[in-house]
C-alpha atoms as a PDB file:
ATOM      1  CA  UNK A   1    -200.222 -33.231 -31.858  1.00  0.00           C
ATOM      2  CA  UNK A   2    -198.068 -31.756 -29.501  1.00  0.00           C
ATOM      3  CA  UNK A   3    -195.619 -28.754 -30.637  1.00  0.00           C
ATOM      4  CA  UNK A   4    -193.271 -27.029 -28.904  1.00  0.00           C
ATOM      5  CA  UNK A   5    -190.871 -24.018 -30.410  1.00  0.00           C
ATOM      6  CA  UNK A   6    -187.447 -25.088 -31.406  1.00  0.00           C
ATOM      7  CA  UNK A   7    -184.078 -24.321 -29.745  1.00  0.00           C
ATOM      8  CA  UNK A   8    -183.649 -22.198 -32.206  1.00  0.00           C
ATOM      9  CA  UNK A   9    -183.705 -18.114 -31.480  1.00  0.00           C
ATOM     10  CA  UNK A  10    -184.983 -15.824 -34.190  1.00  0.00           C
ATOM     11  CA  UNK A  11    -184.470 -12.015 -34.026  1.00  0.00           C
ATOM     12  CA  UNK A  12    -187.695 -10.676 -34.509  1.00  0.00           C
ATOM     13  CA  UNK A  13    -185.970  -7.345 -36.034  1.00  0.00           C
ATOM     14  CA  UNK A  14    -184.496  -9.568 -38.626  1.00  0.00           C
ATOM     15  CA  UNK A  15    -187.746 -11.377 -39.427  1.00  0.00           C
ATOM     16  CA  UNK A  16    -189.671  -7.535 -39.740  1.00  0.00           C
ATOM     17  CA  UNK A  17    -189.238  -6.151 -43.135  1.00  0.00           C
ATOM     18  CA  UNK A  18    -186.221  -4.149 -44.389  1.00  0.00           C
ATOM     19  CA  UNK A  19    -185.771  -2.442 -47.757  1.00  0.00           C
ATOM     20  CA  UNK A  20    -183.450  -5.223 -49.011  1.00  0.00           C
ATOM     21  CA  UNK A  21    -184.156  -9.181 -48.088  1.00  0.00           C
ATOM     22  CA  UNK A  22    -183.316 -11.183 -44.935  1.00  0.00           C
ATOM     23  CA  UNK A  23    -180.225 -13.266 -45.156  1.00  0.00           C
ATOM     24  CA  UNK A  24    -179.788 -16.093 -43.983  1.00  0.00           C
ATOM     25  CA  UNK A  25    -178.172 -19.009 -45.191  1.00  0.00           C
ATOM     26  CA  UNK A  26    -180.100 -20.634 -47.782  1.00  0.00           C
ATOM     27  CA  UNK A  27    -180.859 -24.853 -47.150  1.00  0.00           C
ATOM     28  CA  UNK A  28    -182.261 -27.242 -49.761  1.00  0.00           C
ATOM     29  CA  UNK A  29    -185.611 -26.097 -51.403  1.00  0.00           C
ATOM     30  CA  UNK A  30    -185.421 -22.895 -49.832  1.00  0.00           C
ATOM     31  CA  UNK A  31    -187.573 -20.004 -51.988  1.00  0.00           C
ATOM     32  CA  UNK A  32    -187.769 -17.277 -49.453  1.00  0.00           C
ATOM     33  CA  UNK A  33    -184.077 -15.787 -50.951  1.00  0.00           C
ATOM     34  CA  UNK A  34    -185.409 -15.717 -54.346  1.00  0.00           C
ATOM     35  CA  UNK A  35    -188.808 -14.229 -53.049  1.00  0.00           C
ATOM     36  CA  UNK A  36    -187.432 -11.269 -51.228  1.00  0.00           C
ATOM     37  CA  UNK A  37    -189.433  -7.917 -50.310  1.00  0.00           C
ATOM     38  CA  UNK A  38    -191.904  -7.144 -52.954  1.00  0.00           C
ATOM     39  CA  UNK A  39    -194.134  -4.536 -53.824  1.00  0.00           C
ATOM     40  CA  UNK A  40    -197.375  -5.997 -55.743  1.00  0.00           C
ATOM     41  CA  UNK A  41    -200.083  -4.044 -56.945  1.00  0.00           C
ATOM     42  CA  UNK A  42    -203.836  -5.854 -55.827  1.00  0.00           C
ATOM     43  CA  UNK A  43    -206.929  -4.682 -56.386  1.00  0.00           C
ATOM     44  CA  UNK A  44    -208.303  -2.673 -59.470  1.00  0.00           C
ATOM     45  CA  UNK A  45    -210.223  -5.272 -61.886  1.00  0.00           C
ATOM     46  CA  UNK A  46    -213.175  -7.290 -61.909  1.00  0.00           C
ATOM     47  CA  UNK A  47    -212.983 -10.974 -61.775  1.00  0.00           C
ATOM     48  CA  UNK A  48    -213.250 -11.350 -65.477  1.00  0.00           C
ATOM     49  CA  UNK A  49    -210.391  -8.752 -65.776  1.00  0.00           C
ATOM     50  CA  UNK A  50    -208.606 -11.172 -63.389  1.00  0.00           C
ATOM     51  CA  UNK A  51    -209.353 -14.165 -65.192  1.00  0.00           C
ATOM     52  CA  UNK A  52    -208.343 -12.681 -68.708  1.00  0.00           C
ATOM     53  CA  UNK A  53    -205.121 -11.700 -67.317  1.00  0.00           C
ATOM     54  CA  UNK A  54    -204.503 -14.736 -65.980  1.00  0.00           C
ATOM     55  CA  UNK A  55    -205.009 -16.313 -68.699  1.00  0.00           C
ATOM     56  CA  UNK A  56    -202.858 -13.966 -70.745  1.00  0.00           C
ATOM     57  CA  UNK A  57    -200.212 -14.296 -68.924  1.00  0.00           C
ATOM     58  CA  UNK A  58    -200.698 -18.491 -69.705  1.00  0.00           C
ATOM     59  CA  UNK A  59    -201.227 -18.882 -65.835  1.00  0.00           C
ATOM     60  CA  UNK A  60    -202.599 -22.430 -65.346  1.00  0.00           C
ATOM     61  CA  UNK A  61    -205.372 -23.059 -62.547  1.00  0.00           C
ATOM     62  CA  UNK A  62    -206.881 -26.061 -60.680  1.00  0.00           C
ATOM     63  CA  UNK A  63    -210.043 -26.711 -59.725  1.00  0.00           C
ATOM     64  CA  UNK A  64    -209.431 -25.365 -56.084  1.00  0.00           C
ATOM     65  CA  UNK A  65    -208.295 -22.129 -57.542  1.00  0.00           C
ATOM     66  CA  UNK A  66    -211.177 -21.828 -59.752  1.00  0.00           C
ATOM     67  CA  UNK A  67    -213.324 -22.741 -56.640  1.00  0.00           C
ATOM     68  CA  UNK A  68    -211.695 -19.432 -54.683  1.00  0.00           C
ATOM     69  CA  UNK A  69    -212.043 -17.351 -57.810  1.00  0.00           C
ATOM     70  CA  UNK A  70    -215.623 -17.818 -57.711  1.00  0.00           C
ATOM     71  CA  UNK A  71    -215.844 -16.915 -54.165  1.00  0.00           C
ATOM     72  CA  UNK A  72    -217.608 -13.552 -52.979  1.00  0.00           C
ATOM     73  CA  UNK A  73    -214.562 -11.944 -52.376  1.00  0.00           C
ATOM     74  CA  UNK A  74    -214.187 -11.530 -55.577  1.00  0.00           C
ATOM     75  CA  UNK A  75    -217.400 -10.090 -56.373  1.00  0.00           C
ATOM     76  CA  UNK A  76    -216.729  -6.648 -55.678  1.00  0.00           C
ATOM     77  CA  UNK A  77    -213.888  -4.672 -56.773  1.00  0.00           C
ATOM     78  CA  UNK A  78    -211.434  -3.961 -54.333  1.00  0.00           C
ATOM     79  CA  UNK A  79    -209.409  -0.613 -55.071  1.00  0.00           C
ATOM     80  CA  UNK A  80    -205.942  -0.795 -56.026  1.00  0.00           C
ATOM     81  CA  UNK A  81    -203.322  -0.424 -53.738  1.00  0.00           C
ATOM     82  CA  UNK A  82    -199.619  -2.085 -52.975  1.00  0.00           C
ATOM     83  CA  UNK A  83    -198.821  -4.391 -50.182  1.00  0.00           C
ATOM     84  CA  UNK A  84    -195.312  -4.797 -49.530  1.00  0.00           C
ATOM     85  CA  UNK A  85    -195.155  -8.764 -49.242  1.00  0.00           C
ATOM     86  CA  UNK A  86    -192.039 -11.101 -48.268  1.00  0.00           C
ATOM     87  CA  UNK A  87    -191.492 -14.971 -47.720  1.00  0.00           C
ATOM     88  CA  UNK A  88    -190.260 -17.466 -44.819  1.00  0.00           C
ATOM     89  CA  UNK A  89    -190.185 -20.876 -44.004  1.00  0.00           C
ATOM     90  CA  UNK A  90    -190.628 -22.350 -40.600  1.00  0.00           C
ATOM     91  CA  UNK A  91    -187.005 -22.584 -39.806  1.00  0.00           C
ATOM     92  CA  UNK A  92    -186.510 -18.802 -40.512  1.00  0.00           C
ATOM     93  CA  UNK A  93    -190.152 -18.666 -38.259  1.00  0.00           C
ATOM     94  CA  UNK A  94    -187.931 -20.528 -35.571  1.00  0.00           C
ATOM     95  CA  UNK A  95    -190.484 -23.404 -36.003  1.00  0.00           C
ATOM     96  CA  UNK A  96    -190.516 -27.365 -36.024  1.00  0.00           C
ATOM     97  CA  UNK A  97    -190.972 -29.239 -38.478  1.00  0.00           C
ATOM     98  CA  UNK A  98    -194.879 -30.434 -38.330  1.00  0.00           C
ATOM     99  CA  UNK A  99    -196.024 -27.010 -37.000  1.00  0.00           C
ATOM    100  CA  UNK A 100    -199.508 -26.467 -38.442  1.00  0.00           C
ATOM    101  CA  UNK A 101    -201.168 -23.706 -40.001  1.00  0.00           C
ATOM    102  CA  UNK A 102    -202.413 -21.883 -36.909  1.00  0.00           C
ATOM    103  CA  UNK A 103    -199.129 -22.307 -35.567  1.00  0.00           C
ATOM    104  CA  UNK A 104    -197.555 -20.872 -38.402  1.00  0.00           C
ATOM    105  CA  UNK A 105    -199.546 -17.965 -38.648  1.00  0.00           C
ATOM    106  CA  UNK A 106    -199.537 -17.472 -35.105  1.00  0.00           C
ATOM    107  CA  UNK A 107    -195.666 -17.512 -34.905  1.00  0.00           C
ATOM    108  CA  UNK A 108    -195.807 -14.880 -38.044  1.00  0.00           C
ATOM    109  CA  UNK A 109    -198.151 -12.712 -36.164  1.00  0.00           C
ATOM    110  CA  UNK A 110    -195.711 -12.923 -32.933  1.00  0.00           C
ATOM    111  CA  UNK A 111    -192.753 -11.847 -34.867  1.00  0.00           C
ATOM    112  CA  UNK A 112    -194.317  -8.458 -36.747  1.00  0.00           C
ATOM    113  CA  UNK A 113    -195.844  -9.970 -40.009  1.00  0.00           C
ATOM    114  CA  UNK A 114    -199.237 -10.206 -41.062  1.00  0.00           C
ATOM    115  CA  UNK A 115    -201.622 -12.122 -43.166  1.00  0.00           C
ATOM    116  CA  UNK A 116    -201.977 -11.274 -46.730  1.00  0.00           C
ATOM    117  CA  UNK A 117    -205.646 -10.799 -47.965  1.00  0.00           C
ATOM    118  CA  UNK A 118    -207.296 -13.746 -49.119  1.00  0.00           C
ATOM    119  CA  UNK A 119    -207.247 -11.966 -52.875  1.00  0.00           C
ATOM    120  CA  UNK A 120    -203.708 -11.511 -52.958  1.00  0.00           C
ATOM    121  CA  UNK A 121    -203.322 -14.526 -54.662  1.00  0.00           C
ATOM    122  CA  UNK A 122    -204.040 -13.946 -58.099  1.00  0.00           C
ATOM    123  CA  UNK A 123    -202.242 -10.908 -58.240  1.00  0.00           C
ATOM    124  CA  UNK A 124    -199.150 -12.209 -57.066  1.00  0.00           C
ATOM    125  CA  UNK A 125    -198.979 -15.033 -59.618  1.00  0.00           C
ATOM    126  CA  UNK A 126    -199.189 -12.530 -61.636  1.00  0.00           C
ATOM    127  CA  UNK A 127    -196.463 -10.141 -60.377  1.00  0.00           C
ATOM    128  CA  UNK A 128    -194.214 -13.345 -60.150  1.00  0.00           C
ATOM    129  CA  UNK A 129    -194.324 -15.049 -63.400  1.00  0.00           C
ATOM    130  CA  UNK A 130    -190.531 -15.578 -63.243  1.00  0.00           C
ATOM    131  CA  UNK A 131    -190.480 -17.705 -60.169  1.00  0.00           C
ATOM    132  CA  UNK A 132    -187.860 -20.684 -60.203  1.00  0.00           C
ATOM    133  CA  UNK A 133    -189.272 -24.123 -61.672  1.00  0.00           C
ATOM    134  CA  UNK A 134    -190.275 -26.527 -59.142  1.00  0.00           C
ATOM    135  CA  UNK A 135    -187.551 -29.570 -59.260  1.00  0.00           C
ATOM    136  CA  UNK A 136    -190.152 -32.014 -59.865  1.00  0.00           C
ATOM    137  CA  UNK A 137    -193.161 -31.978 -62.029  1.00  0.00           C
ATOM    138  CA  UNK A 138    -195.495 -34.030 -59.744  1.00  0.00           C
ATOM    139  CA  UNK A 139    -198.968 -31.644 -59.136  1.00  0.00           C
ATOM    140  CA  UNK A 140    -200.239 -33.157 -56.205  1.00  0.00           C
ATOM    141  CA  UNK A 141    -199.128 -35.641 -53.910  1.00  0.00           C
ATOM    142  CA  UNK A 142    -201.265 -35.184 -50.811  1.00  0.00           C
ATOM    143  CA  UNK A 143    -198.417 -32.938 -49.158  1.00  0.00           C
ATOM    144  CA  UNK A 144    -197.252 -29.071 -49.814  1.00  0.00           C
ATOM    145  CA  UNK A 145    -195.491 -29.772 -53.252  1.00  0.00           C
ATOM    146  CA  UNK A 146    -191.722 -29.119 -53.855  1.00  0.00           C
ATOM    147  CA  UNK A 147    -190.713 -25.529 -55.012  1.00  0.00           C
ATOM    148  CA  UNK A 148    -194.009 -23.791 -54.041  1.00  0.00           C
ATOM    149  CA  UNK A 149    -194.933 -20.813 -52.158  1.00  0.00           C
ATOM    150  CA  UNK A 150    -198.145 -20.636 -50.229  1.00  0.00           C
ATOM    151  CA  UNK A 151    -200.069 -17.341 -49.155  1.00  0.00           C
ATOM    152  CA  UNK A 152    -200.722 -17.047 -46.233  1.00  0.00           C
ATOM    153  CA  UNK A 153    -204.142 -15.766 -45.646  1.00  0.00           C
ATOM    154  CA  UNK A 154    -207.328 -16.300 -43.339  1.00  0.00           C
ATOM    155  CA  UNK A 155    -209.561 -19.218 -44.661  1.00  0.00           C
ATOM    156  CA  UNK A 156    -213.029 -17.759 -46.626  1.00  0.00           C
ATOM    157  CA  UNK A 157    -214.982 -21.228 -46.539  1.00  0.00           C
ATOM    158  CA  UNK A 158    -215.686 -24.247 -44.454  1.00  0.00           C
ATOM    159  CA  UNK A 159    -213.747 -27.221 -44.274  1.00  0.00           C
ATOM    160  CA  UNK A 160    -214.574 -28.572 -47.430  1.00  0.00           C
ATOM    161  CA  UNK A 161    -213.553 -25.115 -49.338  1.00  0.00           C
ATOM    162  CA  UNK A 162    -210.285 -24.370 -50.365  1.00  0.00           C
ATOM    163  CA  UNK A 163    -207.962 -23.129 -47.626  1.00  0.00           C
ATOM    164  CA  UNK A 164    -206.186 -20.679 -50.212  1.00  0.00           C
ATOM    165  CA  UNK A 165    -203.734 -20.300 -52.773  1.00  0.00           C
ATOM    166  CA  UNK A 166    -200.042 -21.351 -53.309  1.00  0.00           C
ATOM    167  CA  UNK A 167    -198.092 -20.297 -56.432  1.00  0.00           C
ATOM    168  CA  UNK A 168    -195.709 -23.074 -58.192  1.00  0.00           C
ATOM    169  CA  UNK A 169    -193.877 -23.020 -61.722  1.00  0.00           C
ATOM    170  CA  UNK A 170    -194.210 -26.769 -63.244  1.00  0.00           C
ATOM    171  CA  UNK A 171    -192.180 -27.575 -66.701  1.00  0.00           C
ATOM    172  CA  UNK A 172    -191.673 -23.692 -67.525  1.00  0.00           C
ATOM    173  CA  UNK A 173    -195.759 -23.456 -67.053  1.00  0.00           C
ATOM    174  CA  UNK A 174    -196.797 -21.032 -63.849  1.00  0.00           C
ATOM    175  CA  UNK A 175    -200.172 -22.406 -61.555  1.00  0.00           C
ATOM    176  CA  UNK A 176    -202.153 -20.449 -59.371  1.00  0.00           C
ATOM    177  CA  UNK A 177    -203.413 -23.401 -57.569  1.00  0.00           C
ATOM    178  CA  UNK A 178    -205.731 -23.818 -54.360  1.00  0.00           C
ATOM    179  CA  UNK A 179    -205.436 -26.127 -51.458  1.00  0.00           C
ATOM    180  CA  UNK A 180    -207.254 -28.075 -48.869  1.00  0.00           C
ATOM    181  CA  UNK A 181    -205.861 -28.951 -45.487  1.00  0.00           C
ATOM    182  CA  UNK A 182    -207.180 -28.775 -41.783  1.00  0.00           C
ATOM    183  CA  UNK A 183    -205.788 -27.399 -39.109  1.00  0.00           C
ATOM    184  CA  UNK A 184    -203.753 -30.754 -37.774  1.00  0.00           C
ATOM    185  CA  UNK A 185    -201.734 -30.957 -41.008  1.00  0.00           C
ATOM    186  CA  UNK A 186    -198.323 -30.641 -40.089  1.00  0.00           C
ATOM    187  CA  UNK A 187    -195.673 -28.573 -42.658  1.00  0.00           C
ATOM    188  CA  UNK A 188    -191.697 -29.256 -43.377  1.00  0.00           C
ATOM    189  CA  UNK A 189    -189.036 -26.914 -42.592  1.00  0.00           C
ATOM    190  CA  UNK A 190    -188.631 -25.734 -45.973  1.00  0.00           C
ATOM    191  CA  UNK A 191    -192.147 -24.921 -47.048  1.00  0.00           C
ATOM    192  CA  UNK A 192    -192.569 -21.429 -47.543  1.00  0.00           C
ATOM    193  CA  UNK A 193    -195.103 -19.203 -47.310  1.00  0.00           C
ATOM    194  CA  UNK A 194    -196.108 -15.161 -47.918  1.00  0.00           C
ATOM    195  CA  UNK A 195    -196.832 -12.862 -45.603  1.00  0.00           C
ATOM    196  CA  UNK A 196    -197.617  -9.032 -45.341  1.00  0.00           C
ATOM    197  CA  UNK A 197    -195.508  -6.945 -43.871  1.00  0.00           C
ATOM    198  CA  UNK A 198    -196.573  -3.986 -41.121  1.00  0.00           C
END
């Protein structure tokens, strides 16, 4: 798949993290304005405790999320610490529709953002239970679901292992879901990812 940056020029300073959310026109399906800049506490919980918190908060998991939660990254207790997180869609990153994960991540890093640690997804789900509900209730359709926020993180497994987590609220139920895709899968302009601020 050929790829080039769009003709949109994005001020790199605007893509860095500030004390207030990055402001731009909100397009259809744009979840980034809702997310803003968030300080999220992560770590400090063993797997069983984390699973208990998710269950007590009414968070539902799909099979891929359960696979990720069984990964060795959740075997060791990560010391509690805070992450500053923000979200960007492809348009805000100055990318064309059809950009792949490697291209999205490379572009984000080039404008001063960082990938999230792979264990951040469950903690962000607990922090962001007030996420707006999706416009549709289809849970899986072979593409990035409407109203979802994908945690931008490095893969922790092989091709057959889930790539990472995403957050979604469907019919007033908060979901922590895992997903699989390869490096050729293209994303839409409004598809939104969560990154760590430098």
